[in-house]
């Protein structure tokens, strides 16, 4: 599992696919002056609500991005300056929580829990955006996540109780 951090954004812009799509969409792409609007967490300005604001980065950023893409090897290490931000720590925690939640769901997987388990597995698809936009999508996803976990617990508990009761009845019938 992964999240789109600064290293991943840099990789996506420099792996050739972005330039290929530009060439397919526009003529004379070599003459284009591309400007990026980015909000690197350690450099971003904040608005009155404390939300990161994107800033304009000119042609020079296209020379920095390949270097940043190569620095993905520092991701998760003490050298990862971006990984220290609250947003990145929260993203890593989300992955851990999600894996644990899926493991619990698989323990009670049955025909009765299949749809809820599938919905739980798809929840990360609902987490989009960056900064406060992403925070809002996480709040929504976490709310549904809690509902699904409760549903899975209830169905899993009733399923295991009915299995035990059936086993008890079979033992009594013998």
Protein backbone atom coordinates (compact mmCIF):
# COMPACT_ATOMS: atom_id res chain seq x y z
CA UNK A 1 0.00 0.00 0.00
CA UNK A 2 1.18 3.47 -0.73
CA UNK A 3 0.20 7.10 -0.62
CA UNK A 4 1.07 9.88 -3.03
CA UNK A 5 3.91 11.73 -1.36
CA UNK A 6 6.38 14.19 -2.83
CA UNK A 7 8.62 11.41 -4.17
CA UNK A 8 5.70 9.76 -5.93
CA UNK A 9 4.49 13.04 -7.45
CA UNK A 10 8.02 13.63 -8.74
CA UNK A 11 8.16 10.11 -10.19
CA UNK A 12 4.82 10.55 -11.94
CA UNK A 13 5.98 13.78 -13.58
CA UNK A 14 9.35 12.39 -14.65
CA UNK A 15 8.68 8.80 -15.74
CA UNK A 16 7.88 9.92 -19.31
CA UNK A 17 4.13 9.31 -19.17
CA UNK A 18 3.27 12.95 -18.41
CA UNK A 19 5.36 14.23 -21.33
CA UNK A 20 3.88 11.55 -23.61
CA UNK A 21 0.35 12.64 -22.71
CA UNK A 22 1.27 16.27 -23.34
CA UNK A 23 2.65 15.38 -26.77
CA UNK A 24 -0.52 13.48 -27.64
CA UNK A 25 -2.69 16.41 -26.54
CA UNK A 26 -0.74 19.46 -27.77
CA UNK A 27 1.51 20.34 -30.68
CA UNK A 28 4.98 21.81 -30.21
CA UNK A 29 5.24 20.70 -26.59
CA UNK A 30 8.94 21.61 -26.55
CA UNK A 31 7.86 25.25 -26.72
CA UNK A 32 5.46 24.99 -23.79
CA UNK A 33 6.40 26.81 -20.60
CA UNK A 34 5.02 24.49 -17.97
CA UNK A 35 4.22 25.85 -14.55
CA UNK A 36 3.30 23.62 -11.60
CA UNK A 37 1.16 24.58 -8.65
CA UNK A 38 2.39 22.59 -5.66
CA UNK A 39 2.17 22.74 -1.89
CA UNK A 40 5.17 20.91 -0.46
CA UNK A 41 4.36 20.59 3.24
CA UNK A 42 7.63 22.02 4.47
CA UNK A 43 7.42 25.06 2.15
CA UNK A 44 3.71 25.72 1.71
CA UNK A 45 2.16 28.97 2.81
CA UNK A 46 -0.97 28.74 4.95
CA UNK A 47 -4.30 30.51 4.52
CA UNK A 48 -6.35 32.04 7.37
CA UNK A 49 -7.77 28.60 8.28
CA UNK A 50 -4.29 27.06 8.37
CA UNK A 51 -4.75 25.13 5.11
CA UNK A 52 -1.75 24.71 2.85
CA UNK A 53 -1.92 26.86 -0.26
CA UNK A 54 -0.40 25.83 -3.54
CA UNK A 55 2.36 28.02 -4.90
CA UNK A 56 3.47 28.50 -8.47
CA UNK A 57 6.71 26.80 -9.50
CA UNK A 58 8.27 27.73 -12.84
CA UNK A 59 10.47 25.90 -15.32
CA UNK A 60 13.21 25.28 -12.77
CA UNK A 61 11.03 22.73 -10.93
CA UNK A 62 11.38 20.36 -13.89
CA UNK A 63 15.09 20.08 -13.05
CA UNK A 64 14.39 19.36 -9.37
CA UNK A 65 11.69 16.71 -9.88
CA UNK A 66 14.00 14.00 -11.32
CA UNK A 67 16.30 14.44 -8.31
CA UNK A 68 13.37 14.24 -5.92
CA UNK A 69 12.07 11.10 -7.67
CA UNK A 70 15.44 9.43 -7.12
CA UNK A 71 15.31 10.33 -3.42
CA UNK A 72 12.38 7.96 -2.82
CA UNK A 73 14.97 5.64 -1.24
CA UNK A 74 14.96 7.96 1.82
CA UNK A 75 11.18 7.52 2.27
CA UNK A 76 10.49 6.34 5.81
CA UNK A 77 14.06 6.89 7.00
CA UNK A 78 15.36 9.63 9.32
CA UNK A 79 16.53 11.44 6.15
CA UNK A 80 12.93 11.77 4.91
CA UNK A 81 12.12 15.41 5.66
CA UNK A 82 8.63 15.08 4.16
CA UNK A 83 7.86 12.00 6.24
CA UNK A 84 7.99 13.99 9.46
CA UNK A 85 4.91 16.04 8.67
CA UNK A 86 1.62 15.35 10.43
CA UNK A 87 0.01 14.46 7.10
CA UNK A 88 2.59 11.78 6.27
CA UNK A 89 2.49 10.32 9.80
CA UNK A 90 -1.31 10.15 9.55
CA UNK A 91 -1.07 8.42 6.15
CA UNK A 92 1.28 5.79 7.54
CA UNK A 93 -1.09 5.23 10.49
CA UNK A 94 -4.03 4.88 8.09
CA UNK A 95 -2.21 2.09 6.27
CA UNK A 96 -1.50 0.26 9.52
CA UNK A 97 -5.11 0.66 10.68
CA UNK A 98 -6.44 -0.48 7.31
CA UNK A 99 -4.29 -3.63 7.27
CA UNK A 100 -5.41 -4.51 10.80
CA UNK A 101 -9.05 -3.88 9.88
CA UNK A 102 -8.82 -6.09 6.79
CA UNK A 103 -7.18 -8.84 8.89
CA UNK A 104 -10.10 -8.68 11.35
CA UNK A 105 -12.63 -8.72 8.50
CA UNK A 106 -11.00 -11.80 6.99
CA UNK A 107 -11.31 -13.61 10.31
CA UNK A 108 -15.11 -13.34 10.09
CA UNK A 109 -15.41 -13.64 6.31
CA UNK A 110 -18.55 -15.50 5.31
CA UNK A 111 -21.39 -15.06 2.83
CA UNK A 112 -23.05 -12.81 5.43
CA UNK A 113 -20.00 -10.52 5.72
CA UNK A 114 -18.75 -10.57 2.12
CA UNK A 115 -20.35 -7.30 0.91
CA UNK A 116 -19.26 -5.35 3.98
CA UNK A 117 -15.74 -6.78 3.66
CA UNK A 118 -15.58 -5.76 0.00
CA UNK A 119 -16.78 -2.25 0.84
CA UNK A 120 -14.17 -2.04 3.59
CA UNK A 121 -11.49 -3.16 1.14
CA UNK A 122 -12.51 -0.38 -1.27
CA UNK A 123 -12.52 2.44 1.31
CA UNK A 124 -9.03 3.75 0.41
CA UNK A 125 -10.39 4.62 -3.05
CA UNK A 126 -12.50 7.31 -1.37
CA UNK A 127 -9.48 9.08 0.12
CA UNK A 128 -8.43 11.72 -2.37
CA UNK A 129 -6.91 15.17 -2.57
CA UNK A 130 -4.30 16.83 -0.43
CA UNK A 131 -4.30 18.87 2.73
CA UNK A 132 -7.72 19.86 4.07
CA UNK A 133 -9.48 18.22 1.09
CA UNK A 134 -7.83 14.92 1.93
CA UNK A 135 -8.56 15.42 5.64
CA UNK A 136 -12.27 15.77 4.87
CA UNK A 137 -12.27 12.62 2.73
CA UNK A 138 -10.50 10.75 5.53
CA UNK A 139 -13.14 11.86 8.03
CA UNK A 140 -15.87 10.52 5.72
CA UNK A 141 -13.98 7.29 5.06
CA UNK A 142 -13.24 6.78 8.78
CA UNK A 143 -16.95 7.23 9.63
CA UNK A 144 -17.99 4.58 7.10
CA UNK A 145 -15.07 2.42 8.23
CA UNK A 146 -16.36 2.45 11.81
CA UNK A 147 -19.86 1.52 10.61
CA UNK A 148 -18.49 -1.38 8.55
CA UNK A 149 -16.33 -2.66 11.39
CA UNK A 150 -19.35 -2.64 13.71
CA UNK A 151 -21.43 -4.43 11.09
CA UNK A 152 -18.69 -7.01 10.49
CA UNK A 153 -18.27 -7.55 14.22
CA UNK A 154 -22.02 -8.02 14.71
CA UNK A 155 -22.41 -10.36 11.73
CA UNK A 156 -19.21 -12.22 12.52
CA UNK A 157 -20.27 -12.67 16.15
CA UNK A 158 -23.75 -13.88 15.23
CA UNK A 159 -22.26 -16.18 12.57
CA UNK A 160 -19.82 -17.76 15.03
CA UNK A 161 -22.54 -18.07 17.69
CA UNK A 162 -24.87 -19.84 15.27
CA UNK A 163 -22.00 -22.12 14.23
CA UNK A 164 -21.29 -22.93 17.88
CA UNK A 165 -25.00 -23.47 18.59
CA UNK A 166 -25.28 -25.76 15.58
CA UNK A 167 -22.24 -27.70 16.77
CA UNK A 168 -23.78 -27.90 20.26
CA UNK A 169 -27.09 -29.19 18.82
CA UNK A 170 -25.24 -31.78 16.75
CA UNK A 171 -23.38 -32.95 19.84
CA UNK A 172 -26.67 -33.21 21.77
CA UNK A 173 -28.37 -35.14 18.93
CA UNK A 174 -25.69 -37.82 19.01
